[in-house]
Amino acid sequence: MPETRPPAASQALQNEVAGLIVSALNLEISADDIQPDAPLYGEGLGLDSIDILEVALVVSKQFGFQLRADNADNVSIFSSLASLTRHIAAHRTK
């Protein structure tokens, strides 16, 4: 199955989110190394629950909306860079 590329605006947002993740967690990879559909948690990027909390905090500050720890959708929201980017695009206030 060919990789689907998001529209340019979505691609720019996805790149920005990847950069935020790398910066917030001081990862020793570049933002370009994060595969859009690879899992963020556990296998894939290898983030743990504390890392996810850090990412949620940075995203909340950067985009002006709260990612709540008790949100039942968190597993799907943080399943990949692409899903996190889609969630941000739908809910951002800035």
N, C-alpha and C. Protein backbone atom coordinates (compact mmCIF):
# COMPACT_ATOMS: atom_id res chain seq x y z
N MET A 1 0.85 -1.18 0.00
CA MET A 1 0.00 0.00 0.00
C MET A 1 0.89 1.24 0.00
N PRO A 2 0.69 2.16 -0.94
CA PRO A 2 1.53 3.36 -0.99
C PRO A 2 1.24 4.28 0.17
N GLU A 3 2.28 4.97 0.61
CA GLU A 3 2.14 5.92 1.70
C GLU A 3 1.36 7.12 1.19
N THR A 4 0.33 7.51 1.92
CA THR A 4 -0.44 8.67 1.52
C THR A 4 0.17 9.91 2.15
N ARG A 5 0.37 10.93 1.34
CA ARG A 5 0.97 12.16 1.83
C ARG A 5 -0.14 13.13 2.18
N PRO A 6 -0.07 13.75 3.34
CA PRO A 6 -1.09 14.73 3.70
C PRO A 6 -0.95 15.99 2.87
N PRO A 7 -2.01 16.82 2.81
CA PRO A 7 -1.89 18.10 2.11
C PRO A 7 -0.75 18.93 2.71
N ALA A 8 -0.27 19.91 1.97
CA ALA A 8 0.90 20.69 2.39
C ALA A 8 0.73 21.31 3.78
N ALA A 9 -0.45 21.86 4.07
CA ALA A 9 -0.67 22.48 5.38
C ALA A 9 -0.58 21.42 6.48
N SER A 10 -1.16 20.25 6.22
CA SER A 10 -1.09 19.17 7.20
C SER A 10 0.34 18.66 7.35
N GLN A 11 1.06 18.62 6.23
CA GLN A 11 2.45 18.17 6.28
C GLN A 11 3.28 19.14 7.12
N ALA A 12 3.04 20.44 6.96
CA ALA A 12 3.76 21.43 7.74
C ALA A 12 3.44 21.28 9.23
N LEU A 13 2.17 21.05 9.55
CA LEU A 13 1.78 20.85 10.94
C LEU A 13 2.41 19.58 11.49
N GLN A 14 2.40 18.52 10.69
CA GLN A 14 3.00 17.25 11.13
C GLN A 14 4.48 17.43 11.40
N ASN A 15 5.17 18.18 10.55
CA ASN A 15 6.59 18.45 10.77
C ASN A 15 6.80 19.26 12.04
N GLU A 16 5.91 20.23 12.29
CA GLU A 16 6.01 21.05 13.50
C GLU A 16 5.80 20.19 14.75
N VAL A 17 4.81 19.30 14.71
CA VAL A 17 4.53 18.42 15.86
C VAL A 17 5.70 17.48 16.10
N ALA A 18 6.26 16.92 15.03
CA ALA A 18 7.42 16.04 15.18
C ALA A 18 8.58 16.80 15.83
N GLY A 19 8.79 18.03 15.40
CA GLY A 19 9.84 18.85 16.00
C GLY A 19 9.60 19.13 17.47
N LEU A 20 8.33 19.37 17.83
CA LEU A 20 7.99 19.60 19.24
C LEU A 20 8.29 18.36 20.08
N ILE A 21 7.96 17.20 19.55
CA ILE A 21 8.21 15.94 20.27
C ILE A 21 9.70 15.77 20.51
N VAL A 22 10.49 15.94 19.46
CA VAL A 22 11.95 15.78 19.57
C VAL A 22 12.52 16.78 20.56
N SER A 23 12.08 18.03 20.47
CA SER A 23 12.59 19.08 21.35
C SER A 23 12.16 18.86 22.81
N ALA A 24 10.88 18.58 23.02
CA ALA A 24 10.35 18.43 24.38
C ALA A 24 11.00 17.26 25.12
N LEU A 25 11.32 16.21 24.38
CA LEU A 25 11.85 15.00 25.02
C LEU A 25 13.36 14.85 24.86
N ASN A 26 13.99 15.84 24.24
CA ASN A 26 15.44 15.79 23.99
C ASN A 26 15.85 14.48 23.33
N LEU A 27 15.08 14.08 22.31
CA LEU A 27 15.38 12.84 21.61
C LEU A 27 16.63 13.00 20.77
N GLU A 28 17.34 11.92 20.60
CA GLU A 28 18.58 11.95 19.82
C GLU A 28 18.34 11.53 18.38
N ILE A 29 17.19 11.93 17.86
CA ILE A 29 16.86 11.71 16.45
C ILE A 29 16.36 13.04 15.90
N SER A 30 16.22 13.11 14.59
CA SER A 30 15.66 14.32 14.00
C SER A 30 14.16 14.12 13.82
N ALA A 31 13.45 15.20 13.70
CA ALA A 31 12.00 15.14 13.50
C ALA A 31 11.66 14.33 12.26
N ASP A 32 12.50 14.40 11.24
CA ASP A 32 12.27 13.67 9.99
C ASP A 32 12.34 12.16 10.18
N ASP A 33 12.97 11.71 11.27
CA ASP A 33 13.10 10.28 11.53
C ASP A 33 11.84 9.66 12.13
N ILE A 34 10.89 10.48 12.55
CA ILE A 34 9.65 9.96 13.12
C ILE A 34 8.71 9.60 11.97
N GLN A 35 8.41 8.31 11.85
CA GLN A 35 7.51 7.85 10.81
C GLN A 35 6.07 8.23 11.18
N PRO A 36 5.31 8.82 10.25
CA PRO A 36 3.97 9.31 10.57
C PRO A 36 3.03 8.26 11.15
N ASP A 37 3.13 7.02 10.67
CA ASP A 37 2.19 5.99 11.10
C ASP A 37 2.78 5.02 12.12
N ALA A 38 4.03 5.22 12.52
CA ALA A 38 4.64 4.35 13.53
C ALA A 38 4.08 4.69 14.91
N PRO A 39 3.94 3.70 15.77
CA PRO A 39 3.44 3.97 17.12
C PRO A 39 4.37 4.92 17.88
N LEU A 40 3.78 5.84 18.62
CA LEU A 40 4.57 6.72 19.47
C LEU A 40 4.90 6.03 20.79
N TYR A 41 3.94 5.27 21.29
CA TYR A 41 4.03 4.65 22.61
C TYR A 41 4.60 3.24 22.49
N GLY A 42 5.46 2.84 23.41
CA GLY A 42 5.99 1.47 23.39
C GLY A 42 6.87 1.26 22.18
N GLU A 43 6.58 0.21 21.42
CA GLU A 43 7.35 -0.05 20.20
C GLU A 43 7.15 1.11 19.25
N GLY A 44 7.98 1.22 18.26
CA GLY A 44 7.93 2.39 17.39
C GLY A 44 8.89 3.42 17.93
N LEU A 45 8.37 4.59 18.32
CA LEU A 45 9.22 5.65 18.85
C LEU A 45 9.70 5.32 20.26
N GLY A 46 8.95 4.50 20.98
CA GLY A 46 9.40 4.03 22.29
C GLY A 46 9.08 4.95 23.45
N LEU A 47 8.09 5.82 23.30
CA LEU A 47 7.75 6.71 24.39
C LEU A 47 7.03 5.96 25.51
N ASP A 48 7.20 6.46 26.73
CA ASP A 48 6.47 5.89 27.86
C ASP A 48 5.41 6.90 28.32
N SER A 49 4.69 6.57 29.38
CA SER A 49 3.58 7.42 29.81
C SER A 49 4.06 8.81 30.24
N ILE A 50 5.22 8.90 30.84
CA ILE A 50 5.76 10.22 31.24
C ILE A 50 6.08 11.04 29.99
N ASP A 51 6.65 10.40 28.97
CA ASP A 51 6.93 11.10 27.71
C ASP A 51 5.64 11.63 27.09
N ILE A 52 4.60 10.82 27.11
CA ILE A 52 3.32 11.22 26.53
C ILE A 52 2.76 12.43 27.29
N LEU A 53 2.91 12.43 28.61
CA LEU A 53 2.46 13.59 29.40
C LEU A 53 3.23 14.85 29.01
N GLU A 54 4.54 14.72 28.81
CA GLU A 54 5.35 15.86 28.38
C GLU A 54 4.89 16.38 27.02
N VAL A 55 4.64 15.47 26.10
CA VAL A 55 4.16 15.86 24.77
C VAL A 55 2.81 16.55 24.88
N ALA A 56 1.91 16.02 25.70
CA ALA A 56 0.59 16.63 25.88
C ALA A 56 0.71 18.05 26.41
N LEU A 57 1.63 18.26 27.34
CA LEU A 57 1.83 19.59 27.92
C LEU A 57 2.33 20.58 26.85
N VAL A 58 3.31 20.17 26.09
CA VAL A 58 3.86 21.04 25.05
C VAL A 58 2.82 21.34 23.97
N VAL A 59 2.07 20.32 23.57
CA VAL A 59 1.03 20.52 22.56
C VAL A 59 -0.03 21.47 23.09
N SER A 60 -0.42 21.31 24.35
CA SER A 60 -1.43 22.19 24.94
C SER A 60 -0.97 23.65 24.93
N LYS A 61 0.28 23.88 25.30
CA LYS A 61 0.82 25.25 25.31
C LYS A 61 0.94 25.82 23.89
N GLN A 62 1.41 25.00 22.97
CA GLN A 62 1.68 25.47 21.61
C GLN A 62 0.40 25.74 20.82
N PHE A 63 -0.63 24.90 21.01
CA PHE A 63 -1.80 24.97 20.14
C PHE A 63 -3.07 25.42 20.85
N GLY A 64 -2.99 25.71 22.15
CA GLY A 64 -4.08 26.37 22.84
C GLY A 64 -5.29 25.52 23.20
N PHE A 65 -5.10 24.24 23.38
CA PHE A 65 -6.20 23.41 23.86
C PHE A 65 -5.65 22.33 24.78
N GLN A 66 -6.50 21.82 25.65
CA GLN A 66 -6.05 20.84 26.64
C GLN A 66 -6.16 19.41 26.12
N LEU A 67 -5.12 18.66 26.32
CA LEU A 67 -5.15 17.22 26.13
C LEU A 67 -5.26 16.65 27.55
N ARG A 68 -6.40 16.10 27.88
CA ARG A 68 -6.66 15.67 29.24
C ARG A 68 -6.25 14.22 29.45
N ALA A 69 -5.69 13.94 30.61
CA ALA A 69 -5.23 12.59 30.94
C ALA A 69 -6.39 11.60 31.01
N ASP A 70 -7.60 12.09 31.33
CA ASP A 70 -8.74 11.19 31.46
C ASP A 70 -9.56 11.04 30.18
N ASN A 71 -9.04 11.54 29.06
CA ASN A 71 -9.74 11.43 27.79
C ASN A 71 -9.68 9.98 27.31
N ALA A 72 -10.84 9.40 27.07
CA ALA A 72 -10.90 8.00 26.64
C ALA A 72 -10.27 7.80 25.26
N ASP A 73 -10.12 8.87 24.49
CA ASP A 73 -9.55 8.77 23.15
C ASP A 73 -8.03 8.87 23.12
N ASN A 74 -7.38 9.03 24.26
CA ASN A 74 -5.92 9.23 24.28
C ASN A 74 -5.16 8.11 23.58
N VAL A 75 -5.61 6.88 23.72
CA VAL A 75 -4.90 5.77 23.07
C VAL A 75 -4.87 5.99 21.57
N SER A 76 -5.98 6.40 20.99
CA SER A 76 -5.99 6.64 19.55
C SER A 76 -5.31 7.96 19.18
N ILE A 77 -5.49 9.00 20.02
CA ILE A 77 -4.85 10.29 19.73
C ILE A 77 -3.34 10.14 19.66
N PHE A 78 -2.76 9.42 20.62
CA PHE A 78 -1.30 9.28 20.70
C PHE A 78 -0.80 8.00 20.03
N SER A 79 -1.61 7.39 19.18
CA SER A 79 -1.18 6.14 18.55
C SER A 79 -0.05 6.37 17.54
N SER A 80 -0.02 7.55 16.92
CA SER A 80 1.03 7.84 15.94
C SER A 80 1.14 9.35 15.76
N LEU A 81 2.20 9.76 15.11
CA LEU A 81 2.39 11.17 14.78
C LEU A 81 1.24 11.66 13.92
N ALA A 82 0.83 10.86 12.95
CA ALA A 82 -0.26 11.26 12.05
C ALA A 82 -1.56 11.46 12.81
N SER A 83 -1.90 10.56 13.74
CA SER A 83 -3.15 10.70 14.48
C SER A 83 -3.09 11.89 15.44
N LEU A 84 -1.95 12.13 16.06
CA LEU A 84 -1.80 13.28 16.94
C LEU A 84 -1.95 14.57 16.13
N THR A 85 -1.35 14.61 14.95
CA THR A 85 -1.45 15.79 14.08
C THR A 85 -2.89 16.04 13.66
N ARG A 86 -3.62 14.99 13.31
CA ARG A 86 -5.04 15.15 12.93
C ARG A 86 -5.84 15.72 14.11
N HIS A 87 -5.57 15.23 15.31
CA HIS A 87 -6.28 15.72 16.49
C HIS A 87 -5.98 17.20 16.74
N ILE A 88 -4.72 17.56 16.61
CA ILE A 88 -4.33 18.97 16.79
C ILE A 88 -5.01 19.84 15.74
N ALA A 89 -5.00 19.42 14.49
CA ALA A 89 -5.62 20.20 13.43
C ALA A 89 -7.10 20.42 13.69
N ALA A 90 -7.77 19.44 14.27
CA ALA A 90 -9.21 19.55 14.53
C ALA A 90 -9.54 20.39 15.76
N HIS A 91 -8.61 20.52 16.72
CA HIS A 91 -8.92 21.15 17.99
C HIS A 91 -8.12 22.41 18.33
N ARG A 92 -7.12 22.73 17.54
CA ARG A 92 -6.25 23.85 17.89
C ARG A 92 -7.01 25.17 17.92
N THR A 93 -6.59 26.05 18.81
CA THR A 93 -7.17 27.39 18.88
C THR A 93 -6.16 28.45 18.49
N LYS A 94 -4.89 28.05 18.31
CA LYS A 94 -3.88 28.99 17.86
C LYS A 94 -2.83 28.28 17.04
